[in-house]
Amino acid sequence: YTDAQRFAKEKRVLFQERPVLAAFSGDLLNPGDTFLFDEVGPPILLVRNKTGQVNAFLNMCTHRAAKLVTECTRKNRMSCRFHGWTFDLDGKLVGVPGAEGFVGIDREKRNLIPVPVSEWHGLIFVRAVPNGAPIDVEEHLGKDFARELAHLELAKARPMKTSRIDVKSNWKYAMDTYGEG
């Protein structure tokens, strides 16, 4: 419970290199809905695009790495509050104010940085590894457990209330205390 090196490795392996449940589909019902997930390390932005697909990106502008989205609201585009760089819901850089000052930059290399995301039976999983491999949710969960979760029909779930309690605690204490069932 208290070894700092083991804790650092656990955080890296369990919360960044493996898929983590970030949200429910009901948290992003409509195109343009956004959701912020900062619990596993790098801040991650989830957004539902115009075709209904969920995308996940590092929540940072690719100009100066400022946090791009700070509030979960519906958007058509996402603009950085510092210099106005603007991205569409698929992470493509679509607007650069003062473009004459950026002559010669490869705009394709300035799109938002994707992280793997998978929406499955009402659950949205991410892996906090930029440009990482796709997530196979059923393989991650195991076929038997995946089948049990699918029966819960979580795609029909809608948020009722959101709250947050910040505490200084080792994640294992919290799980051992409140996740025994």
N, C-alpha and C. Protein backbone atom coordinates (compact mmCIF):
# COMPACT_ATOMS: atom_id res chain seq x y z
N TYR A 1 0.79 -1.22 0.00
CA TYR A 1 0.00 0.00 0.00
C TYR A 1 0.83 1.28 0.00
N THR A 2 2.07 1.23 0.46
CA THR A 2 2.80 2.48 0.66
C THR A 2 4.09 2.61 -0.15
N ASP A 3 4.48 1.62 -0.91
CA ASP A 3 5.71 1.68 -1.68
C ASP A 3 5.56 2.63 -2.86
N ALA A 4 6.35 3.70 -2.88
CA ALA A 4 6.22 4.74 -3.91
C ALA A 4 6.54 4.21 -5.31
N GLN A 5 7.55 3.36 -5.43
CA GLN A 5 7.91 2.83 -6.75
C GLN A 5 6.82 1.91 -7.29
N ARG A 6 6.29 1.07 -6.43
CA ARG A 6 5.21 0.18 -6.87
C ARG A 6 3.98 0.99 -7.26
N PHE A 7 3.69 2.02 -6.49
CA PHE A 7 2.54 2.87 -6.79
C PHE A 7 2.70 3.54 -8.16
N ALA A 8 3.89 4.05 -8.46
CA ALA A 8 4.15 4.69 -9.75
C ALA A 8 3.96 3.69 -10.89
N LYS A 9 4.45 2.46 -10.71
CA LYS A 9 4.28 1.44 -11.74
C LYS A 9 2.81 1.06 -11.91
N GLU A 10 2.10 0.92 -10.80
CA GLU A 10 0.67 0.60 -10.87
C GLU A 10 -0.09 1.68 -11.63
N LYS A 11 0.19 2.94 -11.32
CA LYS A 11 -0.49 4.04 -12.01
C LYS A 11 -0.22 3.98 -13.50
N ARG A 12 1.04 3.74 -13.88
CA ARG A 12 1.39 3.68 -15.30
C ARG A 12 0.72 2.50 -15.99
N VAL A 13 0.85 1.31 -15.42
CA VAL A 13 0.35 0.10 -16.08
C VAL A 13 -1.18 0.02 -16.01
N LEU A 14 -1.75 0.19 -14.83
CA LEU A 14 -3.19 -0.01 -14.66
C LEU A 14 -4.03 1.14 -15.20
N PHE A 15 -3.55 2.36 -15.07
CA PHE A 15 -4.39 3.50 -15.40
C PHE A 15 -4.02 4.21 -16.69
N GLN A 16 -2.87 3.89 -17.27
CA GLN A 16 -2.51 4.53 -18.53
C GLN A 16 -2.36 3.53 -19.66
N GLU A 17 -1.71 2.41 -19.40
CA GLU A 17 -1.45 1.45 -20.47
C GLU A 17 -2.62 0.51 -20.73
N ARG A 18 -3.52 0.39 -19.78
CA ARG A 18 -4.69 -0.49 -19.96
C ARG A 18 -5.95 0.35 -20.12
N PRO A 19 -6.97 -0.20 -20.75
CA PRO A 19 -8.23 0.54 -20.90
C PRO A 19 -8.86 0.83 -19.55
N VAL A 20 -9.44 2.01 -19.45
CA VAL A 20 -10.11 2.46 -18.23
C VAL A 20 -11.49 3.00 -18.62
N LEU A 21 -12.48 2.69 -17.82
CA LEU A 21 -13.81 3.26 -18.05
C LEU A 21 -13.76 4.75 -17.77
N ALA A 22 -14.07 5.56 -18.78
CA ALA A 22 -13.99 7.01 -18.65
C ALA A 22 -15.36 7.66 -18.51
N ALA A 23 -16.38 7.08 -19.15
CA ALA A 23 -17.70 7.71 -19.17
C ALA A 23 -18.73 6.68 -19.60
N PHE A 24 -19.98 7.06 -19.48
CA PHE A 24 -21.09 6.29 -20.02
C PHE A 24 -21.53 6.97 -21.31
N SER A 25 -22.10 6.23 -22.21
CA SER A 25 -22.60 6.81 -23.45
C SER A 25 -23.59 7.94 -23.17
N GLY A 26 -24.36 7.80 -22.10
CA GLY A 26 -25.32 8.82 -21.72
C GLY A 26 -24.70 10.15 -21.34
N ASP A 27 -23.40 10.15 -21.05
CA ASP A 27 -22.70 11.40 -20.75
C ASP A 27 -22.43 12.21 -22.02
N LEU A 28 -22.52 11.57 -23.18
CA LEU A 28 -22.27 12.22 -24.47
C LEU A 28 -23.39 11.81 -25.43
N LEU A 29 -24.59 12.27 -25.18
CA LEU A 29 -25.74 11.82 -25.96
C LEU A 29 -25.78 12.36 -27.38
N ASN A 30 -25.39 13.62 -27.56
CA ASN A 30 -25.62 14.29 -28.83
C ASN A 30 -24.31 14.73 -29.49
N PRO A 31 -24.33 14.87 -30.82
CA PRO A 31 -23.14 15.40 -31.50
C PRO A 31 -22.73 16.74 -30.88
N GLY A 32 -21.44 16.88 -30.64
CA GLY A 32 -20.90 18.09 -30.03
C GLY A 32 -20.79 18.03 -28.52
N ASP A 33 -21.38 17.02 -27.88
CA ASP A 33 -21.25 16.89 -26.43
C ASP A 33 -19.81 16.55 -26.08
N THR A 34 -19.32 17.15 -25.00
CA THR A 34 -17.95 16.91 -24.54
C THR A 34 -17.95 16.38 -23.13
N PHE A 35 -16.87 15.69 -22.79
CA PHE A 35 -16.71 15.13 -21.45
C PHE A 35 -15.22 15.16 -21.12
N LEU A 36 -14.89 15.62 -19.94
CA LEU A 36 -13.49 15.71 -19.51
C LEU A 36 -13.16 14.57 -18.56
N PHE A 37 -12.04 13.91 -18.83
CA PHE A 37 -11.59 12.78 -18.01
C PHE A 37 -10.13 13.01 -17.65
N ASP A 38 -9.89 13.44 -16.41
CA ASP A 38 -8.54 13.80 -15.96
C ASP A 38 -8.00 12.86 -14.90
N GLU A 39 -8.67 11.76 -14.64
CA GLU A 39 -8.36 10.93 -13.48
C GLU A 39 -7.17 10.00 -13.63
N VAL A 40 -6.64 9.76 -14.82
CA VAL A 40 -5.60 8.74 -14.98
C VAL A 40 -4.23 9.28 -15.35
N GLY A 41 -4.09 10.56 -15.40
CA GLY A 41 -2.80 11.12 -15.79
C GLY A 41 -3.01 12.28 -16.73
N PRO A 42 -2.73 12.10 -18.02
CA PRO A 42 -2.92 13.24 -18.92
C PRO A 42 -4.41 13.56 -19.06
N PRO A 43 -4.76 14.84 -19.09
CA PRO A 43 -6.16 15.21 -19.29
C PRO A 43 -6.66 14.72 -20.65
N ILE A 44 -7.82 14.08 -20.64
CA ILE A 44 -8.39 13.51 -21.87
C ILE A 44 -9.73 14.18 -22.14
N LEU A 45 -9.95 14.52 -23.40
CA LEU A 45 -11.19 15.12 -23.87
C LEU A 45 -11.94 14.09 -24.69
N LEU A 46 -13.19 13.82 -24.32
CA LEU A 46 -14.07 12.97 -25.12
C LEU A 46 -15.07 13.89 -25.81
N VAL A 47 -15.36 13.60 -27.07
CA VAL A 47 -16.33 14.40 -27.82
C VAL A 47 -17.06 13.49 -28.80
N ARG A 48 -18.37 13.69 -28.92
CA ARG A 48 -19.15 12.94 -29.90
C ARG A 48 -19.21 13.78 -31.18
N ASN A 49 -18.75 13.18 -32.30
CA ASN A 49 -18.70 13.94 -33.54
C ASN A 49 -20.07 13.99 -34.23
N LYS A 50 -20.13 14.59 -35.38
CA LYS A 50 -21.40 14.80 -36.08
C LYS A 50 -22.03 13.51 -36.58
N THR A 51 -21.24 12.45 -36.75
CA THR A 51 -21.80 11.17 -37.18
C THR A 51 -22.17 10.28 -36.00
N GLY A 52 -21.93 10.76 -34.77
CA GLY A 52 -22.29 10.00 -33.57
C GLY A 52 -21.16 9.19 -32.97
N GLN A 53 -20.00 9.23 -33.56
CA GLN A 53 -18.84 8.49 -33.05
C GLN A 53 -18.18 9.28 -31.92
N VAL A 54 -17.69 8.57 -30.88
CA VAL A 54 -16.96 9.21 -29.80
C VAL A 54 -15.47 9.23 -30.15
N ASN A 55 -14.88 10.41 -30.06
CA ASN A 55 -13.44 10.58 -30.24
C ASN A 55 -12.82 10.95 -28.90
N ALA A 56 -11.56 10.60 -28.71
CA ALA A 56 -10.83 10.97 -27.49
C ALA A 56 -9.48 11.56 -27.90
N PHE A 57 -9.12 12.64 -27.22
CA PHE A 57 -7.87 13.35 -27.51
C PHE A 57 -7.22 13.78 -26.21
N LEU A 58 -5.91 14.02 -26.25
CA LEU A 58 -5.28 14.74 -25.15
C LEU A 58 -5.93 16.12 -25.14
N ASN A 59 -6.32 16.58 -23.98
CA ASN A 59 -7.04 17.86 -23.89
C ASN A 59 -6.03 19.01 -23.86
N MET A 60 -5.40 19.22 -25.02
CA MET A 60 -4.44 20.30 -25.12
C MET A 60 -4.39 20.81 -26.55
N CYS A 61 -4.26 22.12 -26.67
CA CYS A 61 -4.09 22.74 -27.98
C CYS A 61 -2.69 22.38 -28.48
N THR A 62 -2.60 22.09 -29.75
CA THR A 62 -1.31 21.69 -30.32
C THR A 62 -0.44 22.90 -30.69
N HIS A 63 -0.88 24.09 -30.34
CA HIS A 63 -0.06 25.28 -30.56
C HIS A 63 0.89 25.48 -29.39
N ARG A 64 0.35 25.67 -28.17
CA ARG A 64 1.19 25.93 -26.99
C ARG A 64 0.83 25.02 -25.81
N ALA A 65 0.08 23.96 -26.09
CA ALA A 65 -0.26 22.93 -25.10
C ALA A 65 -1.17 23.43 -23.98
N ALA A 66 -1.89 24.51 -24.20
CA ALA A 66 -2.87 24.97 -23.21
C ALA A 66 -4.05 24.01 -23.19
N LYS A 67 -4.73 23.92 -22.05
CA LYS A 67 -5.93 23.08 -21.96
C LYS A 67 -6.95 23.63 -22.95
N LEU A 68 -7.45 22.77 -23.81
CA LEU A 68 -8.35 23.21 -24.88
C LEU A 68 -9.79 23.41 -24.38
N VAL A 69 -10.34 22.41 -23.71
CA VAL A 69 -11.72 22.47 -23.24
C VAL A 69 -11.71 22.46 -21.72
N THR A 70 -12.46 23.38 -21.11
CA THR A 70 -12.51 23.46 -19.65
C THR A 70 -13.90 23.21 -19.09
N GLU A 71 -14.92 23.23 -19.94
CA GLU A 71 -16.30 22.99 -19.51
C GLU A 71 -16.97 21.99 -20.44
N CYS A 72 -17.76 21.11 -19.88
CA CYS A 72 -18.49 20.11 -20.67
C CYS A 72 -19.78 20.74 -21.20
N THR A 73 -19.71 21.25 -22.40
CA THR A 73 -20.87 21.83 -23.06
C THR A 73 -20.91 21.30 -24.49
N ARG A 74 -22.02 21.54 -25.16
CA ARG A 74 -22.14 21.12 -26.56
C ARG A 74 -21.44 22.15 -27.44
N LYS A 75 -20.65 21.66 -28.38
CA LYS A 75 -19.86 22.53 -29.24
C LYS A 75 -19.93 22.05 -30.69
N ASN A 76 -19.78 22.98 -31.61
CA ASN A 76 -19.60 22.62 -33.02
C ASN A 76 -18.12 22.54 -33.36
N ARG A 77 -17.35 23.35 -32.67
CA ARG A 77 -15.90 23.40 -32.82
C ARG A 77 -15.32 23.74 -31.46
N MET A 78 -14.02 23.48 -31.31
CA MET A 78 -13.35 23.74 -30.04
C MET A 78 -12.22 24.72 -30.31
N SER A 79 -12.25 25.85 -29.60
CA SER A 79 -11.24 26.89 -29.80
C SER A 79 -10.43 27.10 -28.53
N CYS A 80 -9.14 27.24 -28.70
CA CYS A 80 -8.26 27.51 -27.57
C CYS A 80 -8.47 28.95 -27.12
N ARG A 81 -8.64 29.15 -25.84
CA ARG A 81 -8.93 30.49 -25.32
C ARG A 81 -7.71 31.41 -25.35
N PHE A 82 -6.51 30.86 -25.59
CA PHE A 82 -5.31 31.69 -25.58
C PHE A 82 -5.02 32.33 -26.94
N HIS A 83 -4.95 31.54 -28.00
CA HIS A 83 -4.58 32.08 -29.30
C HIS A 83 -5.62 31.78 -30.39
N GLY A 84 -6.71 31.11 -30.00
CA GLY A 84 -7.81 30.93 -30.92
C GLY A 84 -7.69 29.80 -31.93
N TRP A 85 -6.67 28.96 -31.80
CA TRP A 85 -6.61 27.82 -32.72
C TRP A 85 -7.90 27.03 -32.54
N THR A 86 -8.48 26.59 -33.65
CA THR A 86 -9.80 25.96 -33.62
C THR A 86 -9.75 24.59 -34.28
N PHE A 87 -10.46 23.63 -33.65
CA PHE A 87 -10.45 22.23 -34.09
C PHE A 87 -11.89 21.78 -34.27
N ASP A 88 -12.11 20.89 -35.25
CA ASP A 88 -13.45 20.32 -35.41
C ASP A 88 -13.62 19.15 -34.44
N LEU A 89 -14.79 18.52 -34.48
CA LEU A 89 -15.11 17.45 -33.53
C LEU A 89 -14.34 16.16 -33.78
N ASP A 90 -13.61 16.10 -34.91
CA ASP A 90 -12.74 14.96 -35.20
C ASP A 90 -11.28 15.29 -34.91
N GLY A 91 -11.04 16.46 -34.30
CA GLY A 91 -9.69 16.83 -33.90
C GLY A 91 -8.86 17.51 -34.96
N LYS A 92 -9.46 17.80 -36.11
CA LYS A 92 -8.72 18.43 -37.21
C LYS A 92 -8.59 19.93 -36.95
N LEU A 93 -7.37 20.45 -37.14
CA LEU A 93 -7.14 21.88 -37.04
C LEU A 93 -7.82 22.57 -38.20
N VAL A 94 -8.80 23.44 -37.91
CA VAL A 94 -9.57 24.08 -38.97
C VAL A 94 -9.44 25.59 -38.97
N GLY A 95 -8.83 26.16 -37.94
CA GLY A 95 -8.69 27.61 -37.90
C GLY A 95 -7.45 28.04 -37.15
N VAL A 96 -6.69 28.95 -37.78
CA VAL A 96 -5.47 29.49 -37.17
C VAL A 96 -5.49 31.01 -37.34
N PRO A 97 -5.93 31.76 -36.32
CA PRO A 97 -5.87 33.22 -36.44
C PRO A 97 -4.43 33.68 -36.66
N GLY A 98 -4.26 34.67 -37.47
CA GLY A 98 -2.91 35.15 -37.77
C GLY A 98 -2.11 34.13 -38.55
N ALA A 99 -2.78 33.44 -39.47
CA ALA A 99 -2.14 32.35 -40.22
C ALA A 99 -0.87 32.79 -40.93
N GLU A 100 -0.79 34.08 -41.26
CA GLU A 100 0.42 34.55 -41.94
C GLU A 100 1.67 34.38 -41.07
N GLY A 101 1.49 34.30 -39.78
CA GLY A 101 2.63 34.07 -38.87
C GLY A 101 3.02 32.61 -38.77
N PHE A 102 2.26 31.72 -39.41
CA PHE A 102 2.53 30.28 -39.34
C PHE A 102 2.75 29.68 -40.72
N VAL A 103 3.21 30.49 -41.65
CA VAL A 103 3.49 30.01 -43.00
C VAL A 103 4.53 28.90 -42.91
N GLY A 104 4.26 27.80 -43.61
CA GLY A 104 5.21 26.70 -43.65
C GLY A 104 4.95 25.60 -42.63
N ILE A 105 4.05 25.82 -41.67
CA ILE A 105 3.77 24.72 -40.75
C ILE A 105 2.88 23.68 -41.44
N ASP A 106 3.07 22.45 -41.10
CA ASP A 106 2.24 21.37 -41.64
C ASP A 106 1.02 21.25 -40.73
N ARG A 107 -0.10 21.79 -41.18
CA ARG A 107 -1.32 21.80 -40.35
C ARG A 107 -1.79 20.40 -40.00
N GLU A 108 -1.52 19.42 -40.87
CA GLU A 108 -1.92 18.04 -40.59
C GLU A 108 -1.21 17.49 -39.36
N LYS A 109 -0.03 18.01 -39.07
CA LYS A 109 0.73 17.57 -37.90
C LYS A 109 0.33 18.34 -36.64
N ARG A 110 -0.62 19.27 -36.76
CA ARG A 110 -1.09 20.06 -35.63
C ARG A 110 -2.52 19.72 -35.23
N ASN A 111 -3.06 18.61 -35.76
CA ASN A 111 -4.37 18.15 -35.31
C ASN A 111 -4.27 17.71 -33.86
N LEU A 112 -5.42 17.59 -33.18
CA LEU A 112 -5.40 17.12 -31.80
C LEU A 112 -4.79 15.72 -31.74
N ILE A 113 -4.19 15.40 -30.61
CA ILE A 113 -3.50 14.11 -30.45
C ILE A 113 -4.51 13.08 -29.93
N PRO A 114 -4.82 12.06 -30.74
CA PRO A 114 -5.82 11.07 -30.33
C PRO A 114 -5.28 10.08 -29.30
N VAL A 115 -6.19 9.59 -28.46
CA VAL A 115 -5.91 8.44 -27.60
C VAL A 115 -6.95 7.39 -27.94
N PRO A 116 -6.63 6.11 -27.76
CA PRO A 116 -7.60 5.06 -28.09
C PRO A 116 -8.89 5.20 -27.27
N VAL A 117 -10.01 4.99 -27.93
CA VAL A 117 -11.31 5.06 -27.29
C VAL A 117 -12.20 3.99 -27.91
N SER A 118 -13.06 3.40 -27.09
CA SER A 118 -14.00 2.41 -27.59
C SER A 118 -15.31 2.55 -26.83
N GLU A 119 -16.40 2.69 -27.57
CA GLU A 119 -17.73 2.73 -26.97
C GLU A 119 -18.35 1.35 -27.14
N TRP A 120 -18.79 0.78 -26.03
CA TRP A 120 -19.26 -0.60 -26.03
C TRP A 120 -20.42 -0.74 -25.04
N HIS A 121 -21.61 -1.07 -25.52
CA HIS A 121 -22.79 -1.33 -24.68
C HIS A 121 -23.01 -0.25 -23.63
N GLY A 122 -22.87 1.01 -24.04
CA GLY A 122 -23.13 2.12 -23.13
C GLY A 122 -21.96 2.55 -22.28
N LEU A 123 -20.81 1.93 -22.45
CA LEU A 123 -19.60 2.28 -21.71
C LEU A 123 -18.56 2.83 -22.66
N ILE A 124 -17.81 3.83 -22.22
CA ILE A 124 -16.75 4.42 -23.04
C ILE A 124 -15.43 4.21 -22.32
N PHE A 125 -14.55 3.45 -22.96
CA PHE A 125 -13.23 3.15 -22.42
C PHE A 125 -12.18 3.96 -23.18
N VAL A 126 -11.15 4.40 -22.46
CA VAL A 126 -10.00 5.07 -23.08
C VAL A 126 -8.72 4.41 -22.58
N ARG A 127 -7.68 4.61 -23.33
CA ARG A 127 -6.33 4.24 -22.89
C ARG A 127 -5.49 5.50 -23.03
N ALA A 128 -4.86 5.94 -21.95
CA ALA A 128 -4.16 7.23 -21.92
C ALA A 128 -2.79 7.16 -22.58
N VAL A 129 -2.75 6.58 -23.76
CA VAL A 129 -1.51 6.46 -24.53
C VAL A 129 -1.75 7.14 -25.88
N PRO A 130 -1.11 8.28 -26.14
CA PRO A 130 -1.33 8.95 -27.42
C PRO A 130 -1.04 8.04 -28.61
N ASN A 131 -1.94 8.10 -29.58
CA ASN A 131 -1.82 7.32 -30.82
C ASN A 131 -1.67 5.82 -30.57
N GLY A 132 -2.22 5.32 -29.48
CA GLY A 132 -2.09 3.90 -29.12
C GLY A 132 -2.96 2.98 -29.95
N ALA A 133 -2.77 1.68 -29.72
CA ALA A 133 -3.52 0.65 -30.44
C ALA A 133 -5.00 0.68 -30.04
N PRO A 134 -5.87 0.22 -30.92
CA PRO A 134 -7.31 0.17 -30.61
C PRO A 134 -7.60 -0.67 -29.37
N ILE A 135 -8.73 -0.41 -28.76
CA ILE A 135 -9.15 -1.12 -27.55
C ILE A 135 -10.15 -2.21 -27.93
N ASP A 136 -9.87 -3.44 -27.52
CA ASP A 136 -10.82 -4.55 -27.65
C ASP A 136 -11.44 -4.74 -26.27
N VAL A 137 -12.62 -4.16 -26.07
CA VAL A 137 -13.25 -4.14 -24.75
C VAL A 137 -13.54 -5.55 -24.26
N GLU A 138 -14.08 -6.41 -25.11
CA GLU A 138 -14.41 -7.77 -24.67
C GLU A 138 -13.17 -8.54 -24.26
N GLU A 139 -12.08 -8.36 -24.98
CA GLU A 139 -10.83 -9.03 -24.59
C GLU A 139 -10.34 -8.48 -23.25
N HIS A 140 -10.42 -7.18 -23.07
CA HIS A 140 -9.98 -6.55 -21.81
C HIS A 140 -10.81 -7.03 -20.63
N LEU A 141 -12.12 -7.09 -20.80
CA LEU A 141 -13.00 -7.49 -19.70
C LEU A 141 -13.04 -8.99 -19.48
N GLY A 142 -12.76 -9.75 -20.52
CA GLY A 142 -12.97 -11.19 -20.48
C GLY A 142 -14.36 -11.50 -20.98
N LYS A 143 -14.50 -12.55 -21.77
CA LYS A 143 -15.78 -12.85 -22.44
C LYS A 143 -16.94 -13.01 -21.44
N ASP A 144 -16.71 -13.73 -20.34
CA ASP A 144 -17.80 -13.98 -19.38
C ASP A 144 -18.27 -12.69 -18.72
N PHE A 145 -17.31 -11.87 -18.24
CA PHE A 145 -17.69 -10.62 -17.59
C PHE A 145 -18.30 -9.65 -18.59
N ALA A 146 -17.77 -9.61 -19.80
CA ALA A 146 -18.32 -8.74 -20.84
C ALA A 146 -19.78 -9.09 -21.11
N ARG A 147 -20.06 -10.37 -21.18
CA ARG A 147 -21.44 -10.82 -21.41
C ARG A 147 -22.35 -10.36 -20.26
N GLU A 148 -21.88 -10.45 -19.03
CA GLU A 148 -22.66 -10.00 -17.87
C GLU A 148 -22.93 -8.49 -17.93
N LEU A 149 -21.90 -7.72 -18.27
CA LEU A 149 -22.08 -6.26 -18.37
C LEU A 149 -23.04 -5.90 -19.49
N ALA A 150 -22.97 -6.59 -20.60
CA ALA A 150 -23.85 -6.29 -21.73
C ALA A 150 -25.31 -6.46 -21.33
N HIS A 151 -25.61 -7.40 -20.45
CA HIS A 151 -26.99 -7.63 -20.01
C HIS A 151 -27.55 -6.48 -19.17
N LEU A 152 -26.69 -5.63 -18.65
CA LEU A 152 -27.16 -4.52 -17.81
C LEU A 152 -27.81 -3.40 -18.61
N GLU A 153 -27.67 -3.42 -19.94
CA GLU A 153 -28.26 -2.42 -20.82
C GLU A 153 -27.87 -1.00 -20.42
N LEU A 154 -26.58 -0.79 -20.18
CA LEU A 154 -26.10 0.52 -19.74
C LEU A 154 -26.21 1.58 -20.82
N ALA A 155 -26.43 1.20 -22.06
CA ALA A 155 -26.64 2.19 -23.12
C ALA A 155 -27.91 3.00 -22.86
N LYS A 156 -28.81 2.47 -22.06
CA LYS A 156 -30.04 3.19 -21.72
C LYS A 156 -29.88 4.09 -20.50
N ALA A 157 -28.75 3.99 -19.80
CA ALA A 157 -28.52 4.78 -18.58
C ALA A 157 -28.32 6.25 -18.94
N ARG A 158 -28.84 7.13 -18.10
CA ARG A 158 -28.68 8.58 -18.26
C ARG A 158 -28.19 9.16 -16.94
N PRO A 159 -27.36 10.21 -17.01
CA PRO A 159 -26.86 10.82 -15.77
C PRO A 159 -28.01 11.41 -14.96
N MET A 160 -27.97 11.19 -13.67
CA MET A 160 -28.96 11.76 -12.76
C MET A 160 -28.34 12.87 -11.94
N LYS A 161 -27.11 12.64 -11.49
CA LYS A 161 -26.44 13.61 -10.64
C LYS A 161 -24.94 13.38 -10.77
N THR A 162 -24.19 14.44 -10.74
CA THR A 162 -22.74 14.33 -10.78
C THR A 162 -22.18 14.98 -9.53
N SER A 163 -21.27 14.29 -8.87
CA SER A 163 -20.60 14.86 -7.71
C SER A 163 -19.17 14.35 -7.68
N ARG A 164 -18.37 15.00 -6.89
CA ARG A 164 -16.97 14.62 -6.82
C ARG A 164 -16.47 14.88 -5.40
N ILE A 165 -15.71 13.94 -4.90
CA ILE A 165 -15.07 14.10 -3.60
C ILE A 165 -13.59 13.85 -3.80
N ASP A 166 -12.79 14.86 -3.59
CA ASP A 166 -11.35 14.71 -3.72
C ASP A 166 -10.75 14.37 -2.36
N VAL A 167 -10.02 13.28 -2.32
CA VAL A 167 -9.35 12.87 -1.08
C VAL A 167 -7.93 12.43 -1.41
N LYS A 168 -7.07 12.56 -0.44
CA LYS A 168 -5.71 12.05 -0.61
C LYS A 168 -5.71 10.62 -0.11
N SER A 169 -5.71 9.69 -1.06
CA SER A 169 -5.80 8.28 -0.70
C SER A 169 -5.12 7.44 -1.76
N ASN A 170 -4.51 6.38 -1.34
CA ASN A 170 -4.00 5.39 -2.26
C ASN A 170 -5.21 4.71 -2.90
N TRP A 171 -5.18 4.51 -4.21
CA TRP A 171 -6.34 3.94 -4.90
C TRP A 171 -6.74 2.59 -4.32
N LYS A 172 -5.79 1.82 -3.81
CA LYS A 172 -6.12 0.49 -3.27
C LYS A 172 -6.91 0.60 -1.98
N TYR A 173 -6.63 1.62 -1.15
CA TYR A 173 -7.44 1.82 0.06
C TYR A 173 -8.89 2.07 -0.31
N ALA A 174 -9.10 2.93 -1.29
CA ALA A 174 -10.45 3.25 -1.71
C ALA A 174 -11.17 2.00 -2.25
N MET A 175 -10.49 1.21 -3.05
CA MET A 175 -11.11 0.00 -3.60
C MET A 175 -11.36 -1.04 -2.51
N ASP A 176 -10.42 -1.24 -1.63
CA ASP A 176 -10.60 -2.23 -0.56
C ASP A 176 -11.74 -1.84 0.37
N THR A 177 -11.89 -0.55 0.60
CA THR A 177 -12.90 -0.07 1.53
C THR A 177 -14.29 -0.03 0.90
N TYR A 178 -14.37 0.46 -0.33
CA TYR A 178 -15.67 0.70 -0.93
C TYR A 178 -16.02 -0.22 -2.09
N GLY A 179 -15.10 -1.06 -2.51
CA GLY A 179 -15.38 -1.90 -3.66
C GLY A 179 -15.39 -3.39 -3.34
N GLU A 180 -15.60 -3.72 -2.08
CA GLU A 180 -15.51 -5.13 -1.68
C GLU A 180 -16.57 -6.00 -2.34
N GLY A 181 -17.74 -5.44 -2.60
CA GLY A 181 -18.83 -6.21 -3.19
C GLY A 181 -18.59 -6.51 -4.62
